[in-house]
C-alpha atoms as a PDB file:
ATOM      1  CA  MET A   1      -0.228  -0.221   0.205  1.00  0.00           C
ATOM      2  CA  PHE A   2       2.841   2.392   0.408  1.00  0.00           C
ATOM      3  CA  TYR A   3       3.503   2.366  -3.372  1.00  0.00           C
ATOM      4  CA  VAL A   4       0.242   3.854  -4.415  1.00  0.00           C
ATOM      5  CA  GLN A   5       0.839   6.390  -2.049  1.00  0.00           C
ATOM      6  CA  ILE A   6       3.630   7.609  -3.339  1.00  0.00           C
ATOM      7  CA  MET A   7       2.463   7.703  -7.003  1.00  0.00           C
ATOM      8  CA  PRO A   8       3.082  10.346  -8.844  1.00  0.00           C
ATOM      9  CA  ASP A   9      -0.249  12.740  -9.290  1.00  0.00           C
ATOM     10  CA  ASP A  10      -0.450  12.122 -13.082  1.00  0.00           C
ATOM     11  CA  PHE A  11      -0.680   8.683 -13.016  1.00  0.00           C
ATOM     12  CA  VAL A  12      -3.592   6.448 -14.170  1.00  0.00           C
ATOM     13  CA  MET A  13      -4.702   3.400 -14.141  1.00  0.00           C
ATOM     14  CA  VAL A  14      -5.573   2.686 -17.749  1.00  0.00           C
ATOM     15  CA  ILE A  15      -7.129  -1.150 -17.140  1.00  0.00           C
ATOM     16  CA  TRP A  16      -8.127  -3.035 -14.188  1.00  0.00           C
ATOM     17  CA  MET A  17      -7.297  -7.028 -14.284  1.00  0.00           C
ATOM     18  CA  THR A  18      -9.119  -8.639 -11.788  1.00  0.00           C
ATOM     19  CA  ASP A  19     -10.894 -12.185 -11.195  1.00  0.00           C
ATOM     20  CA  GLY A  20     -14.932 -12.243 -10.821  1.00  0.00           C
ATOM     21  CA  TRP A  21     -15.007 -11.279  -6.675  1.00  0.00           C
ATOM     22  CA  PRO A  22     -18.172  -9.293  -6.690  1.00  0.00           C
ATOM     23  CA  LEU A  23     -16.689  -6.427  -5.012  1.00  0.00           C
ATOM     24  CA  TYR A  24     -14.303  -5.564  -7.993  1.00  0.00           C
ATOM     25  CA  GLU A  25     -17.147  -5.153 -10.325  1.00  0.00           C
ATOM     26  CA  SER A  26     -19.444  -2.815  -7.813  1.00  0.00           C
ATOM     27  CA  ARG A  27     -15.796  -0.726  -7.154  1.00  0.00           C
ATOM     28  CA  LEU A  28     -14.591  -0.744 -10.462  1.00  0.00           C
ATOM     29  CA  LYS A  29     -18.698   0.892 -12.225  1.00  0.00           C
ATOM     30  CA  GLY A  30     -17.360   3.524 -15.074  1.00  0.00           C
ATOM     31  CA  LYS A  31     -13.649   2.339 -15.313  1.00  0.00           C
ATOM     32  CA  LEU A  32     -12.652  -0.231 -18.038  1.00  0.00           C
ATOM     33  CA  HIS A  33     -12.533  -3.252 -16.158  1.00  0.00           C
ATOM     34  CA  VAL A  34     -11.939  -7.024 -17.383  1.00  0.00           C
ATOM     35  CA  ILE A  35     -12.608  -9.827 -15.746  1.00  0.00           C
ATOM     36  CA  SER A  36     -10.750 -12.698 -16.114  1.00  0.00           C
ATOM     37  CA  LYS A  37      -8.584 -15.401 -14.627  1.00  0.00           C
ATOM     38  CA  ARG A  38      -6.109 -15.687 -17.437  1.00  0.00           C
ATOM     39  CA  TYR A  39      -4.583 -12.229 -16.896  1.00  0.00           C
ATOM     40  CA  THR A  40      -4.919 -12.141 -12.929  1.00  0.00           C
ATOM     41  CA  GLN A  41      -2.591 -15.910 -13.024  1.00  0.00           C
ATOM     42  CA  ARG A  42      -0.011 -13.883 -14.840  1.00  0.00           C
ATOM     43  CA  ILE A  43       0.337 -10.817 -12.985  1.00  0.00           C
ATOM     44  CA  GLU A  44       0.414 -13.492  -9.796  1.00  0.00           C
ATOM     45  CA  ARG A  45       2.784 -16.034 -11.503  1.00  0.00           C
ATOM     46  CA  HIS A  46       4.941 -12.733 -12.036  1.00  0.00           C
ATOM     47  CA  ASN A  47       4.757 -12.093  -8.897  1.00  0.00           C
ATOM     48  CA  LEU A  48       5.656 -15.786  -7.597  1.00  0.00           C
ATOM     49  CA  ASN A  49       9.303 -15.300  -9.826  1.00  0.00           C
ATOM     50  CA  LEU A  50       9.505 -11.638  -7.651  1.00  0.00           C
ATOM     51  CA  ARG A  51       9.421 -13.407  -4.729  1.00  0.00           C
ATOM     52  CA  GLN A  52      11.548 -15.886  -5.795  1.00  0.00           C
ATOM     53  CA  HIS A  53      13.857 -14.565  -7.335  1.00  0.00           C
ATOM     54  CA  LEU A  54      14.203 -11.486  -5.205  1.00  0.00           C
ATOM     55  CA  ALA A  55      14.930 -13.096  -0.913  1.00  0.00           C
ATOM     56  CA  ARG A  56      14.338  -9.406   0.527  1.00  0.00           C
ATOM     57  CA  LEU A  57      10.738  -8.812  -0.784  1.00  0.00           C
ATOM     58  CA  GLY A  58      10.041 -11.719   2.155  1.00  0.00           C
ATOM     59  CA  ARG A  59       9.382  -9.924   5.134  1.00  0.00           C
ATOM     60  CA  LYS A  60      11.379 -13.344   7.070  1.00  0.00           C
ATOM     61  CA  SER A  61      14.275 -13.221   5.098  1.00  0.00           C
ATOM     62  CA  LEU A  62      18.323 -12.548   5.794  1.00  0.00           C
ATOM     63  CA  SER A  63      18.257 -10.312   2.858  1.00  0.00           C
ATOM     64  CA  PHE A  64      15.937  -7.947   4.455  1.00  0.00           C
ATOM     65  CA  SER A  65      16.174  -4.567   4.930  1.00  0.00           C
ATOM     66  CA  LYS A  66      14.226  -1.533   5.742  1.00  0.00           C
ATOM     67  CA  SER A  67      15.134   0.758   3.111  1.00  0.00           C
ATOM     68  CA  VAL A  68      13.053   1.755   0.157  1.00  0.00           C
ATOM     69  CA  GLU A  69      15.525   3.236  -1.491  1.00  0.00           C
ATOM     70  CA  LEU A  70      17.570   0.276  -1.739  1.00  0.00           C
ATOM     71  CA  HIS A  71      14.797  -1.765  -2.463  1.00  0.00           C
ATOM     72  CA  ASP A  72      13.393   0.153  -5.200  1.00  0.00           C
ATOM     73  CA  LYS A  73      17.311  -0.514  -6.630  1.00  0.00           C
ATOM     74  CA  VAL A  74      17.565  -3.739  -6.514  1.00  0.00           C
ATOM     75  CA  ILE A  75      13.446  -4.688  -7.636  1.00  0.00           C
ATOM     76  CA  GLY A  76      14.698  -2.253 -10.358  1.00  0.00           C
ATOM     77  CA  HIS A  77      17.801  -3.669 -11.286  1.00  0.00           C
ATOM     78  CA  TYR A  78      16.282  -7.167 -11.230  1.00  0.00           C
ATOM     79  CA  LEU A  79      13.480  -5.923 -13.845  1.00  0.00           C
ATOM     80  CA  ASN A  80      16.184  -4.756 -15.531  1.00  0.00           C
ATOM     81  CA  ILE A  81      17.753  -7.515 -16.085  1.00  0.00           C
ATOM     82  CA  LYS A  82      15.283  -9.883 -16.419  1.00  0.00           C
ATOM     83  CA  HIS A  83      12.885  -7.755 -18.741  1.00  0.00           C
ATOM     84  CA  TYR A  84      15.010  -5.284 -20.589  1.00  0.00           C
ATOM     85  CA  GLN A  85      17.886  -7.628 -21.636  1.00  0.00           C
END
């Protein structure tokens, strides 16, 4: 939830991809809302890969750091290597 609070003001969420939980439909009325397990599985798989490859994302890890700046740098470096090369 911390990252949502520090998002830039000009950042706009374009598409919401959720599963079929009824609460999402009532909360996201009037927005571009895609209900599909296909996309949520991809997102969850991506989150799982991040947790598996970056132990620091687990609170009970020896490599956990309280520095948000350090987390951002390590995660950014990982994403650079995995997704942009």
